[in-house]
Amino acid sequence: MNSKLRWSAAIGGGTLVLLYLTLNSLPDPPPTGIEHTADEAAVECEQAVADEVAGAHFPFPATATYLGDAEYRLDGTVEAEASGGVVRSNYECFVRFSEANRYRTDSLTVWQSH
């Protein structure tokens, strides 16, 4: 019974260490006083996707991740009409808020999901 207790304590301690390391590795949230938001970054990203995909339609909101240093990564889904029906693709873009108080898409990747 004693070895089971030690084993449980070791697993619990390891889990706490992993949780601590995960939380400390997350980027800082956007600083206050800076006029950028994930919603505005998503608008910039969707415009970049629409420039690449004719007739783009966004059935779901993108998932935005703040990466720090006024940069966001957005992952989402885009649909477009094609001769055989609707084609669904995934996209990932990196958007940065510049010192000129505007958004800029640094990178965009679009790929067909299936």
PDB file of N, CA and C in Angstrom:
ATOM      1  N   MET A   1       0.824  -1.190   0.000  1.00  0.00           N
ATOM      2  CA  MET A   1       0.000   0.000   0.000  1.00  0.00           C
ATOM      3  C   MET A   1       0.864   1.248   0.000  1.00  0.00           C
ATOM      4  N   ASN A   2       1.973   1.194   0.678  1.00  0.00           N
ATOM      5  CA  ASN A   2       2.862   2.335   0.774  1.00  0.00           C
ATOM      6  C   ASN A   2       3.418   2.725  -0.590  1.00  0.00           C
ATOM      7  N   SER A   3       3.758   1.737  -1.413  1.00  0.00           N
ATOM      8  CA  SER A   3       4.303   2.038  -2.744  1.00  0.00           C
ATOM      9  C   SER A   3       3.233   2.671  -3.641  1.00  0.00           C
ATOM     10  N   LYS A   4       1.970   2.282  -3.479  1.00  0.00           N
ATOM     11  CA  LYS A   4       0.887   2.901  -4.256  1.00  0.00           C
ATOM     12  C   LYS A   4       0.734   4.367  -3.885  1.00  0.00           C
ATOM     13  N   LEU A   5       0.876   4.675  -2.619  1.00  0.00           N
ATOM     14  CA  LEU A   5       0.763   6.050  -2.145  1.00  0.00           C
ATOM     15  C   LEU A   5       1.903   6.899  -2.708  1.00  0.00           C
ATOM     16  N   ARG A   6       3.107   6.358  -2.697  1.00  0.00           N
ATOM     17  CA  ARG A   6       4.258   7.082  -3.256  1.00  0.00           C
ATOM     18  C   ARG A   6       4.081   7.293  -4.755  1.00  0.00           C
ATOM     19  N   TRP A   7       3.582   6.289  -5.436  1.00  0.00           N
ATOM     20  CA  TRP A   7       3.366   6.382  -6.887  1.00  0.00           C
ATOM     21  C   TRP A   7       2.336   7.474  -7.200  1.00  0.00           C
ATOM     22  N   SER A   8       1.259   7.527  -6.450  1.00  0.00           N
ATOM     23  CA  SER A   8       0.231   8.552  -6.631  1.00  0.00           C
ATOM     24  C   SER A   8       0.790   9.937  -6.354  1.00  0.00           C
ATOM     25  N   ALA A   9       1.591  10.062  -5.329  1.00  0.00           N
ATOM     26  CA  ALA A   9       2.196  11.358  -5.005  1.00  0.00           C
ATOM     27  C   ALA A   9       3.143  11.798  -6.113  1.00  0.00           C
ATOM     28  N   ALA A  10       3.900  10.882  -6.672  1.00  0.00           N
ATOM     29  CA  ALA A  10       4.830  11.218  -7.750  1.00  0.00           C
ATOM     30  C   ALA A  10       4.072  11.677  -8.994  1.00  0.00           C
ATOM     31  N   ILE A  11       3.003  11.000  -9.326  1.00  0.00           N
ATOM     32  CA  ILE A  11       2.195  11.391 -10.492  1.00  0.00           C
ATOM     33  C   ILE A  11       1.556  12.755 -10.258  1.00  0.00           C
ATOM     34  N   GLY A  12       1.005  12.958  -9.076  1.00  0.00           N
ATOM     35  CA  GLY A  12       0.385  14.246  -8.758  1.00  0.00           C
ATOM     36  C   GLY A  12       1.397  15.382  -8.802  1.00  0.00           C
ATOM     37  N   GLY A  13       2.581  15.148  -8.261  1.00  0.00           N
ATOM     38  CA  GLY A  13       3.632  16.166  -8.282  1.00  0.00           C
ATOM     39  C   GLY A  13       4.085  16.468  -9.700  1.00  0.00           C
ATOM     40  N   GLY A  14       4.215  15.431 -10.506  1.00  0.00           N
ATOM     41  CA  GLY A  14       4.604  15.632 -11.911  1.00  0.00           C
ATOM     42  C   GLY A  14       3.569  16.412 -12.684  1.00  0.00           C
ATOM     43  N   THR A  15       2.307  16.140 -12.401  1.00  0.00           N
ATOM     44  CA  THR A  15       1.215  16.870 -13.057  1.00  0.00           C
ATOM     45  C   THR A  15       1.262  18.352 -12.690  1.00  0.00           C
ATOM     46  N   LEU A  16       1.521  18.642 -11.419  1.00  0.00           N
ATOM     47  CA  LEU A  16       1.615  20.042 -10.992  1.00  0.00           C
ATOM     48  C   LEU A  16       2.783  20.758 -11.656  1.00  0.00           C
ATOM     49  N   VAL A  17       3.899  20.080 -11.795  1.00  0.00           N
ATOM     50  CA  VAL A  17       5.061  20.678 -12.467  1.00  0.00           C
ATOM     51  C   VAL A  17       4.722  20.974 -13.923  1.00  0.00           C
ATOM     52  N   LEU A  18       4.080  20.036 -14.619  1.00  0.00           N
ATOM     53  CA  LEU A  18       3.697  20.258 -16.017  1.00  0.00           C
ATOM     54  C   LEU A  18       2.712  21.418 -16.144  1.00  0.00           C
ATOM     55  N   LEU A  19       1.749  21.510 -15.256  1.00  0.00           N
ATOM     56  CA  LEU A  19       0.793  22.609 -15.273  1.00  0.00           C
ATOM     57  C   LEU A  19       1.500  23.937 -15.067  1.00  0.00           C
ATOM     58  N   TYR A  20       2.411  24.002 -14.123  1.00  0.00           N
ATOM     59  CA  TYR A  20       3.168  25.226 -13.850  1.00  0.00           C
ATOM     60  C   TYR A  20       3.977  25.643 -15.078  1.00  0.00           C
ATOM     61  N   LEU A  21       4.686  24.699 -15.696  1.00  0.00           N
ATOM     62  CA  LEU A  21       5.501  25.016 -16.871  1.00  0.00           C
ATOM     63  C   LEU A  21       4.637  25.466 -18.038  1.00  0.00           C
ATOM     64  N   THR A  22       3.472  24.847 -18.219  1.00  0.00           N
ATOM     65  CA  THR A  22       2.575  25.235 -19.306  1.00  0.00           C
ATOM     66  C   THR A  22       2.068  26.654 -19.109  1.00  0.00           C
ATOM     67  N   LEU A  23       1.627  26.973 -17.910  1.00  0.00           N
ATOM     68  CA  LEU A  23       1.094  28.312 -17.648  1.00  0.00           C
ATOM     69  C   LEU A  23       2.175  29.378 -17.761  1.00  0.00           C
ATOM     70  N   ASN A  24       3.388  29.063 -17.388  1.00  0.00           N
ATOM     71  CA  ASN A  24       4.466  30.043 -17.475  1.00  0.00           C
ATOM     72  C   ASN A  24       5.012  30.206 -18.885  1.00  0.00           C
ATOM     73  N   SER A  25       4.690  29.302 -19.794  1.00  0.00           N
ATOM     74  CA  SER A  25       5.191  29.414 -21.164  1.00  0.00           C
ATOM     75  C   SER A  25       4.215  30.156 -22.077  1.00  0.00           C
ATOM     76  N   LEU A  26       3.011  30.488 -21.584  1.00  0.00           N
ATOM     77  CA  LEU A  26       2.045  31.229 -22.388  1.00  0.00           C
ATOM     78  C   LEU A  26       2.523  32.654 -22.591  1.00  0.00           C
ATOM     79  N   PRO A  27       2.260  33.259 -23.768  1.00  0.00           N
ATOM     80  CA  PRO A  27       2.672  34.654 -23.969  1.00  0.00           C
ATOM     81  C   PRO A  27       1.847  35.576 -23.081  1.00  0.00           C
ATOM     82  N   ASP A  28       2.409  36.726 -22.819  1.00  0.00           N
ATOM     83  CA  ASP A  28       1.683  37.724 -22.045  1.00  0.00           C
ATOM     84  C   ASP A  28       0.454  38.164 -22.818  1.00  0.00           C
ATOM     85  N   PRO A  29      -0.612  38.537 -22.124  1.00  0.00           N
ATOM     86  CA  PRO A  29      -1.797  39.047 -22.817  1.00  0.00           C
ATOM     87  C   PRO A  29      -1.475  40.389 -23.466  1.00  0.00           C
ATOM     88  N   PRO A  30      -2.310  40.843 -24.402  1.00  0.00           N
ATOM     89  CA  PRO A  30      -2.050  42.142 -25.021  1.00  0.00           C
ATOM     90  C   PRO A  30      -1.968  43.222 -23.948  1.00  0.00           C
ATOM     91  N   PRO A  31      -0.988  44.118 -24.077  1.00  0.00           N
ATOM     92  CA  PRO A  31      -0.862  45.167 -23.069  1.00  0.00           C
ATOM     93  C   PRO A  31      -2.039  46.128 -23.132  1.00  0.00           C
ATOM     94  N   THR A  32      -2.398  46.701 -21.992  1.00  0.00           N
ATOM     95  CA  THR A  32      -3.478  47.676 -21.977  1.00  0.00           C
ATOM     96  C   THR A  32      -2.970  48.985 -22.561  1.00  0.00           C
ATOM     97  N   GLY A  33      -3.874  49.756 -23.129  1.00  0.00           N
ATOM     98  CA  GLY A  33      -3.478  51.018 -23.743  1.00  0.00           C
ATOM     99  C   GLY A  33      -3.091  50.880 -25.207  1.00  0.00           C
ATOM    100  N   ILE A  34      -2.925  49.642 -25.689  1.00  0.00           N
ATOM    101  CA  ILE A  34      -2.610  49.414 -27.098  1.00  0.00           C
ATOM    102  C   ILE A  34      -3.927  49.142 -27.801  1.00  0.00           C
ATOM    103  N   GLU A  35      -4.123  49.750 -28.926  1.00  0.00           N
ATOM    104  CA  GLU A  35      -5.411  49.668 -29.617  1.00  0.00           C
ATOM    105  C   GLU A  35      -5.458  48.523 -30.625  1.00  0.00           C
ATOM    106  N   HIS A  36      -5.211  47.319 -30.189  1.00  0.00           N
ATOM    107  CA  HIS A  36      -5.373  46.179 -31.090  1.00  0.00           C
ATOM    108  C   HIS A  36      -6.134  45.080 -30.372  1.00  0.00           C
ATOM    109  N   THR A  37      -6.946  44.363 -31.158  1.00  0.00           N
ATOM    110  CA  THR A  37      -7.751  43.284 -30.598  1.00  0.00           C
ATOM    111  C   THR A  37      -7.746  42.093 -31.545  1.00  0.00           C
ATOM    112  N   ALA A  38      -8.106  40.939 -31.012  1.00  0.00           N
ATOM    113  CA  ALA A  38      -8.195  39.734 -31.825  1.00  0.00           C
ATOM    114  C   ALA A  38      -9.289  39.868 -32.881  1.00  0.00           C
ATOM    115  N   ASP A  39     -10.386  40.546 -32.551  1.00  0.00           N
ATOM    116  CA  ASP A  39     -11.477  40.725 -33.518  1.00  0.00           C
ATOM    117  C   ASP A  39     -11.015  41.545 -34.720  1.00  0.00           C
ATOM    118  N   GLU A  40     -10.262  42.595 -34.461  1.00  0.00           N
ATOM    119  CA  GLU A  40      -9.763  43.416 -35.568  1.00  0.00           C
ATOM    120  C   GLU A  40      -8.710  42.670 -36.387  1.00  0.00           C
ATOM    121  N   ALA A  41      -7.906  41.851 -35.716  1.00  0.00           N
ATOM    122  CA  ALA A  41      -6.934  41.024 -36.437  1.00  0.00           C
ATOM    123  C   ALA A  41      -7.660  40.020 -37.329  1.00  0.00           C
ATOM    124  N   ALA A  42      -8.790  39.487 -36.855  1.00  0.00           N
ATOM    125  CA  ALA A  42      -9.577  38.532 -37.646  1.00  0.00           C
ATOM    126  C   ALA A  42     -10.132  39.192 -38.904  1.00  0.00           C
ATOM    127  N   VAL A  43     -10.541  40.449 -38.803  1.00  0.00           N
ATOM    128  CA  VAL A  43     -11.044  41.172 -39.980  1.00  0.00           C
ATOM    129  C   VAL A  43      -9.940  41.281 -41.029  1.00  0.00           C
ATOM    130  N   GLU A  44      -8.726  41.633 -40.604  1.00  0.00           N
ATOM    131  CA  GLU A  44      -7.592  41.734 -41.523  1.00  0.00           C
ATOM    132  C   GLU A  44      -7.293  40.383 -42.160  1.00  0.00           C
ATOM    133  N   CYS A  45      -7.322  39.328 -41.371  1.00  0.00           N
ATOM    134  CA  CYS A  45      -7.042  37.989 -41.874  1.00  0.00           C
ATOM    135  C   CYS A  45      -8.096  37.559 -42.892  1.00  0.00           C
ATOM    136  N   GLU A  46      -9.363  37.770 -42.582  1.00  0.00           N
ATOM    137  CA  GLU A  46     -10.432  37.386 -43.511  1.00  0.00           C
ATOM    138  C   GLU A  46     -10.313  38.146 -44.829  1.00  0.00           C
ATOM    139  N   GLN A  47      -9.886  39.396 -44.769  1.00  0.00           N
ATOM    140  CA  GLN A  47      -9.699  40.154 -46.008  1.00  0.00           C
ATOM    141  C   GLN A  47      -8.570  39.543 -46.838  1.00  0.00           C
ATOM    142  N   ALA A  48      -7.496  39.140 -46.177  1.00  0.00           N
ATOM    143  CA  ALA A  48      -6.379  38.505 -46.891  1.00  0.00           C
ATOM    144  C   ALA A  48      -6.820  37.177 -47.507  1.00  0.00           C
ATOM    145  N   VAL A  49      -7.633  36.404 -46.789  1.00  0.00           N
ATOM    146  CA  VAL A  49      -8.141  35.135 -47.320  1.00  0.00           C
ATOM    147  C   VAL A  49      -9.057  35.410 -48.508  1.00  0.00           C
ATOM    148  N   ALA A  50      -9.942  36.402 -48.389  1.00  0.00           N
ATOM    149  CA  ALA A  50     -10.868  36.737 -49.476  1.00  0.00           C
ATOM    150  C   ALA A  50     -10.119  37.181 -50.727  1.00  0.00           C
ATOM    151  N   ASP A  51      -8.961  37.807 -50.562  1.00  0.00           N
ATOM    152  CA  ASP A  51      -8.142  38.195 -51.717  1.00  0.00           C
ATOM    153  C   ASP A  51      -7.575  36.974 -52.428  1.00  0.00           C
ATOM    154  N   GLU A  52      -7.385  35.873 -51.690  1.00  0.00           N
ATOM    155  CA  GLU A  52      -6.817  34.645 -52.257  1.00  0.00           C
ATOM    156  C   GLU A  52      -7.876  33.659 -52.757  1.00  0.00           C
ATOM    157  N   VAL A  53      -9.039  33.643 -52.111  1.00  0.00           N
ATOM    158  CA  VAL A  53     -10.086  32.652 -52.416  1.00  0.00           C
ATOM    159  C   VAL A  53     -11.296  33.402 -52.979  1.00  0.00           C
ATOM    160  N   ALA A  54     -11.558  33.210 -54.275  1.00  0.00           N
ATOM    161  CA  ALA A  54     -12.687  33.894 -54.910  1.00  0.00           C
ATOM    162  C   ALA A  54     -14.004  33.446 -54.285  1.00  0.00           C
ATOM    163  N   GLY A  55     -14.869  34.385 -53.965  1.00  0.00           N
ATOM    164  CA  GLY A  55     -16.170  34.072 -53.400  1.00  0.00           C
ATOM    165  C   GLY A  55     -16.109  33.511 -51.990  1.00  0.00           C
ATOM    166  N   ALA A  56     -15.083  33.910 -51.230  1.00  0.00           N
ATOM    167  CA  ALA A  56     -14.887  33.374 -49.876  1.00  0.00           C
ATOM    168  C   ALA A  56     -16.067  33.681 -48.968  1.00  0.00           C
ATOM    169  N   HIS A  57     -16.417  32.699 -48.166  1.00  0.00           N
ATOM    170  CA  HIS A  57     -17.484  32.815 -47.173  1.00  0.00           C
ATOM    171  C   HIS A  57     -16.967  32.101 -45.917  1.00  0.00           C
ATOM    172  N   PHE A  58     -17.140  32.728 -44.771  1.00  0.00           N
ATOM    173  CA  PHE A  58     -16.578  32.209 -43.523  1.00  0.00           C
ATOM    174  C   PHE A  58     -17.702  31.654 -42.645  1.00  0.00           C
ATOM    175  N   PRO A  59     -17.873  30.306 -42.631  1.00  0.00           N
ATOM    176  CA  PRO A  59     -18.995  29.708 -41.904  1.00  0.00           C
ATOM    177  C   PRO A  59     -18.840  29.729 -40.384  1.00  0.00           C
ATOM    178  N   PHE A  60     -17.616  29.862 -39.903  1.00  0.00           N
ATOM    179  CA  PHE A  60     -17.351  29.849 -38.462  1.00  0.00           C
ATOM    180  C   PHE A  60     -16.337  30.942 -38.142  1.00  0.00           C
ATOM    181  N   PRO A  61     -16.380  31.482 -36.938  1.00  0.00           N
ATOM    182  CA  PRO A  61     -15.349  32.454 -36.564  1.00  0.00           C
ATOM    183  C   PRO A  61     -13.986  31.769 -36.431  1.00  0.00           C
ATOM    184  N   ALA A  62     -12.941  32.495 -36.755  1.00  0.00           N
ATOM    185  CA  ALA A  62     -11.584  31.963 -36.626  1.00  0.00           C
ATOM    186  C   ALA A  62     -11.194  31.889 -35.155  1.00  0.00           C
ATOM    187  N   THR A  63     -10.252  31.025 -34.877  1.00  0.00           N
ATOM    188  CA  THR A  63      -9.674  30.937 -33.538  1.00  0.00           C
ATOM    189  C   THR A  63      -8.437  31.829 -33.525  1.00  0.00           C
ATOM    190  N   ALA A  64      -8.425  32.798 -32.628  1.00  0.00           N
ATOM    191  CA  ALA A  64      -7.304  33.737 -32.552  1.00  0.00           C
ATOM    192  C   ALA A  64      -6.449  33.416 -31.332  1.00  0.00           C
ATOM    193  N   THR A  65      -5.144  33.441 -31.542  1.00  0.00           N
ATOM    194  CA  THR A  65      -4.188  33.237 -30.465  1.00  0.00           C
ATOM    195  C   THR A  65      -3.242  34.431 -30.440  1.00  0.00           C
ATOM    196  N   TYR A  66      -3.159  35.099 -29.298  1.00  0.00           N
ATOM    197  CA  TYR A  66      -2.211  36.208 -29.172  1.00  0.00           C
ATOM    198  C   TYR A  66      -0.832  35.627 -28.922  1.00  0.00           C
ATOM    199  N   LEU A  67       0.136  35.992 -29.771  1.00  0.00           N
ATOM    200  CA  LEU A  67       1.480  35.435 -29.699  1.00  0.00           C
ATOM    201  C   LEU A  67       2.455  36.343 -28.961  1.00  0.00           C
ATOM    202  N   GLY A  68       2.003  37.522 -28.592  1.00  0.00           N
ATOM    203  CA  GLY A  68       2.891  38.499 -27.981  1.00  0.00           C
ATOM    204  C   GLY A  68       3.404  39.459 -29.039  1.00  0.00           C
ATOM    205  N   ASP A  69       3.943  40.588 -28.599  1.00  0.00           N
ATOM    206  CA  ASP A  69       4.522  41.589 -29.489  1.00  0.00           C
ATOM    207  C   ASP A  69       3.535  42.025 -30.579  1.00  0.00           C
ATOM    208  N   ALA A  70       2.275  42.215 -30.208  1.00  0.00           N
ATOM    209  CA  ALA A  70       1.205  42.696 -31.089  1.00  0.00           C
ATOM    210  C   ALA A  70       0.978  41.793 -32.297  1.00  0.00           C
ATOM    211  N   GLU A  71       1.198  40.486 -32.152  1.00  0.00           N
ATOM    212  CA  GLU A  71       1.001  39.533 -33.250  1.00  0.00           C
ATOM    213  C   GLU A  71      -0.030  38.489 -32.856  1.00  0.00           C
ATOM    214  N   TYR A  72      -0.893  38.141 -33.818  1.00  0.00           N
ATOM    215  CA  TYR A  72      -1.936  37.131 -33.626  1.00  0.00           C
ATOM    216  C   TYR A  72      -1.780  36.040 -34.677  1.00  0.00           C
ATOM    217  N   ARG A  73      -2.108  34.804 -34.283  1.00  0.00           N
ATOM    218  CA  ARG A  73      -2.252  33.708 -35.249  1.00  0.00           C
ATOM    219  C   ARG A  73      -3.728  33.383 -35.286  1.00  0.00           C
ATOM    220  N   LEU A  74      -4.278  33.305 -36.502  1.00  0.00           N
ATOM    221  CA  LEU A  74      -5.689  32.979 -36.666  1.00  0.00           C
ATOM    222  C   LEU A  74      -5.811  31.718 -37.509  1.00  0.00           C
ATOM    223  N   ASP A  75      -6.628  30.783 -37.020  1.00  0.00           N
ATOM    224  CA  ASP A  75      -6.902  29.532 -37.725  1.00  0.00           C
ATOM    225  C   ASP A  75      -8.395  29.479 -37.960  1.00  0.00           C
ATOM    226  N   GLY A  76      -8.790  29.163 -39.200  1.00  0.00           N
ATOM    227  CA  GLY A  76     -10.212  29.125 -39.479  1.00  0.00           C
ATOM    228  C   GLY A  76     -10.550  28.313 -40.710  1.00  0.00           C
ATOM    229  N   THR A  77     -11.806  28.417 -41.098  1.00  0.00           N
ATOM    230  CA  THR A  77     -12.357  27.680 -42.228  1.00  0.00           C
ATOM    231  C   THR A  77     -12.974  28.665 -43.203  1.00  0.00           C
ATOM    232  N   VAL A  78     -12.745  28.429 -44.491  1.00  0.00           N
ATOM    233  CA  VAL A  78     -13.340  29.245 -45.538  1.00  0.00           C
ATOM    234  C   VAL A  78     -14.036  28.319 -46.528  1.00  0.00           C
ATOM    235  N   GLU A  79     -15.170  28.763 -47.038  1.00  0.00           N
ATOM    236  CA  GLU A  79     -15.887  28.011 -48.068  1.00  0.00           C
ATOM    237  C   GLU A  79     -16.016  28.880 -49.300  1.00  0.00           C
ATOM    238  N   ALA A  80     -16.031  28.236 -50.470  1.00  0.00           N
ATOM    239  CA  ALA A  80     -16.227  28.939 -51.732  1.00  0.00           C
ATOM    240  C   ALA A  80     -16.961  28.021 -52.698  1.00  0.00           C
ATOM    241  N   GLU A  81     -17.810  28.625 -53.513  1.00  0.00           N
ATOM    242  CA  GLU A  81     -18.539  27.859 -54.523  1.00  0.00           C
ATOM    243  C   GLU A  81     -17.575  27.453 -55.638  1.00  0.00           C
ATOM    244  N   ALA A  82     -17.695  26.221 -56.077  1.00  0.00           N
ATOM    245  CA  ALA A  82     -16.923  25.714 -57.209  1.00  0.00           C
ATOM    246  C   ALA A  82     -17.893  24.996 -58.131  1.00  0.00           C
ATOM    247  N   SER A  83     -17.419  24.597 -59.285  1.00  0.00           N
ATOM    248  CA  SER A  83     -18.305  23.956 -60.252  1.00  0.00           C
ATOM    249  C   SER A  83     -18.921  22.670 -59.697  1.00  0.00           C
ATOM    250  N   GLY A  84     -18.235  21.982 -58.807  1.00  0.00           N
ATOM    251  CA  GLY A  84     -18.751  20.741 -58.239  1.00  0.00           C
ATOM    252  C   GLY A  84     -19.480  20.933 -56.920  1.00  0.00           C
ATOM    253  N   GLY A  85     -19.651  22.158 -56.476  1.00  0.00           N
ATOM    254  CA  GLY A  85     -20.305  22.424 -55.194  1.00  0.00           C
ATOM    255  C   GLY A  85     -19.441  23.310 -54.322  1.00  0.00           C
ATOM    256  N   VAL A  86     -19.673  23.248 -53.045  1.00  0.00           N
ATOM    257  CA  VAL A  86     -18.923  24.070 -52.095  1.00  0.00           C
ATOM    258  C   VAL A  86     -17.613  23.378 -51.743  1.00  0.00           C
ATOM    259  N   VAL A  87     -16.527  24.140 -51.793  1.00  0.00           N
ATOM    260  CA  VAL A  87     -15.216  23.633 -51.401  1.00  0.00           C
ATOM    261  C   VAL A  87     -14.851  24.275 -50.071  1.00  0.00           C
ATOM    262  N   ARG A  88     -14.560  23.462 -49.091  1.00  0.00           N
ATOM    263  CA  ARG A  88     -14.160  23.957 -47.771  1.00  0.00           C
ATOM    264  C   ARG A  88     -12.647  23.838 -47.634  1.00  0.00           C
ATOM    265  N   SER A  89     -12.029  24.896 -47.180  1.00  0.00           N
ATOM    266  CA  SER A  89     -10.585  24.907 -46.955  1.00  0.00           C
ATOM    267  C   SER A  89     -10.298  25.455 -45.567  1.00  0.00           C
ATOM    268  N   ASN A  90      -9.111  25.172 -45.092  1.00  0.00           N
ATOM    269  CA  ASN A  90      -8.638  25.726 -43.828  1.00  0.00           C
ATOM    270  C   ASN A  90      -7.666  26.855 -44.137  1.00  0.00           C
ATOM    271  N   TYR A  91      -7.487  27.746 -43.194  1.00  0.00           N
ATOM    272  CA  TYR A  91      -6.479  28.787 -43.356  1.00  0.00           C
ATOM    273  C   TYR A  91      -5.809  29.084 -42.029  1.00  0.00           C
ATOM    274  N   GLU A  92      -4.603  29.581 -42.143  1.00  0.00           N
ATOM    275  CA  GLU A  92      -3.848  30.055 -40.991  1.00  0.00           C
ATOM    276  C   GLU A  92      -3.162  31.331 -41.428  1.00  0.00           C
ATOM    277  N   CYS A  93      -3.319  32.379 -40.645  1.00  0.00           N
ATOM    278  CA  CYS A  93      -2.596  33.590 -40.982  1.00  0.00           C
ATOM    279  C   CYS A  93      -2.027  34.229 -39.722  1.00  0.00           C
ATOM    280  N   PHE A  94      -0.966  34.964 -39.934  1.00  0.00           N
ATOM    281  CA  PHE A  94      -0.308  35.697 -38.869  1.00  0.00           C
ATOM    282  C   PHE A  94      -0.490  37.176 -39.168  1.00  0.00           C
ATOM    283  N   VAL A  95      -1.086  37.882 -38.216  1.00  0.00           N
ATOM    284  CA  VAL A  95      -1.409  39.297 -38.383  1.00  0.00           C
ATOM    285  C   VAL A  95      -0.699  40.066 -37.284  1.00  0.00           C
ATOM    286  N   ARG A  96      -0.101  41.186 -37.672  1.00  0.00           N
ATOM    287  CA  ARG A  96       0.618  42.024 -36.714  1.00  0.00           C
ATOM    288  C   ARG A  96       0.037  43.430 -36.730  1.00  0.00           C
ATOM    289  N   PHE A  97      -0.083  44.008 -35.556  1.00  0.00           N
ATOM    290  CA  PHE A  97      -0.504  45.402 -35.419  1.00  0.00           C
ATOM    291  C   PHE A  97       0.760  46.237 -35.457  1.00  0.00           C
ATOM    292  N   SER A  98       0.850  47.131 -36.430  1.00  0.00           N
ATOM    293  CA  SER A  98       2.083  47.898 -36.619  1.00  0.00           C
ATOM    294  C   SER A  98       2.064  49.191 -35.822  1.00  0.00           C
ATOM    295  N   GLU A  99       3.206  49.825 -35.751  1.00  0.00           N
ATOM    296  CA  GLU A  99       3.323  51.104 -35.061  1.00  0.00           C
ATOM    297  C   GLU A  99       2.538  52.197 -35.775  1.00  0.00           C
ATOM    298  N   ALA A 100       2.195  51.961 -37.035  1.00  0.00           N
ATOM    299  CA  ALA A 100       1.398  52.926 -37.809  1.00  0.00           C
ATOM    300  C   ALA A 100      -0.096  52.753 -37.502  1.00  0.00           C
ATOM    301  N   ASN A 101      -0.412  52.012 -36.430  1.00  0.00           N
ATOM    302  CA  ASN A 101      -1.800  51.777 -36.001  1.00  0.00           C
ATOM    303  C   ASN A 101      -2.656  51.109 -37.064  1.00  0.00           C
ATOM    304  N   ARG A 102      -2.092  50.136 -37.739  1.00  0.00           N
ATOM    305  CA  ARG A 102      -2.862  49.349 -38.696  1.00  0.00           C
ATOM    306  C   ARG A 102      -2.400  47.906 -38.641  1.00  0.00           C
ATOM    307  N   TYR A 103      -3.231  47.031 -39.197  1.00  0.00           N
ATOM    308  CA  TYR A 103      -2.927  45.602 -39.202  1.00  0.00           C
ATOM    309  C   TYR A 103      -2.266  45.228 -40.512  1.00  0.00           C
ATOM    310  N   ARG A 104      -1.380  44.236 -40.429  1.00  0.00           N
ATOM    311  CA  ARG A 104      -0.672  43.754 -41.617  1.00  0.00           C
ATOM    312  C   ARG A 104      -0.637  42.233 -41.530  1.00  0.00           C
ATOM    313  N   THR A 105      -1.027  41.566 -42.617  1.00  0.00           N
ATOM    314  CA  THR A 105      -0.926  40.102 -42.676  1.00  0.00           C
ATOM    315  C   THR A 105       0.500  39.754 -43.062  1.00  0.00           C
ATOM    316  N   ASP A 106       1.204  39.098 -42.158  1.00  0.00           N
ATOM    317  CA  ASP A 106       2.596  38.716 -42.420  1.00  0.00           C
ATOM    318  C   ASP A 106       2.684  37.411 -43.198  1.00  0.00           C
ATOM    319  N   SER A 107       1.733  36.491 -42.972  1.00  0.00           N
ATOM    320  CA  SER A 107       1.789  35.186 -43.602  1.00  0.00           C
ATOM    321  C   SER A 107       0.373  34.626 -43.716  1.00  0.00           C
ATOM    322  N   LEU A 108       0.095  33.960 -44.832  1.00  0.00           N
ATOM    323  CA  LEU A 108      -1.197  33.336 -45.032  1.00  0.00           C
ATOM    324  C   LEU A 108      -1.002  32.005 -45.735  1.00  0.00           C
ATOM    325  N   THR A 109      -1.617  30.962 -45.187  1.00  0.00           N
ATOM    326  CA  THR A 109      -1.593  29.629 -45.796  1.00  0.00           C
ATOM    327  C   THR A 109      -3.034  29.146 -45.875  1.00  0.00           C
ATOM    328  N   VAL A 110      -3.444  28.705 -47.071  1.00  0.00           N
ATOM    329  CA  VAL A 110      -4.788  28.155 -47.286  1.00  0.00           C
ATOM    330  C   VAL A 110      -4.613  26.759 -47.869  1.00  0.00           C
ATOM    331  N   TRP A 111      -5.315  25.782 -47.306  1.00  0.00           N
ATOM    332  CA  TRP A 111      -5.226  24.414 -47.832  1.00  0.00           C
ATOM    333  C   TRP A 111      -6.597  23.765 -47.755  1.00  0.00           C
ATOM    334  N   GLN A 112      -6.825  22.868 -48.692  1.00  0.00           N
ATOM    335  CA  GLN A 112      -8.120  22.183 -48.749  1.00  0.00           C
ATOM    336  C   GLN A 112      -8.182  21.108 -47.678  1.00  0.00           C
ATOM    337  N   SER A 113      -9.271  21.110 -46.910  1.00  0.00           N
ATOM    338  CA  SER A 113      -9.376  20.164 -45.802  1.00  0.00           C
ATOM    339  C   SER A 113      -9.669  18.738 -46.239  1.00  0.00           C
ATOM    340  N   HIS A 114     -10.494  18.544 -47.255  1.00  0.00           N
ATOM    341  CA  HIS A 114     -10.778  17.190 -47.728  1.00  0.00           C
ATOM    342  C   HIS A 114     -11.399  17.216 -49.090  1.00  0.00           C
TER     343      HIS A 114
END
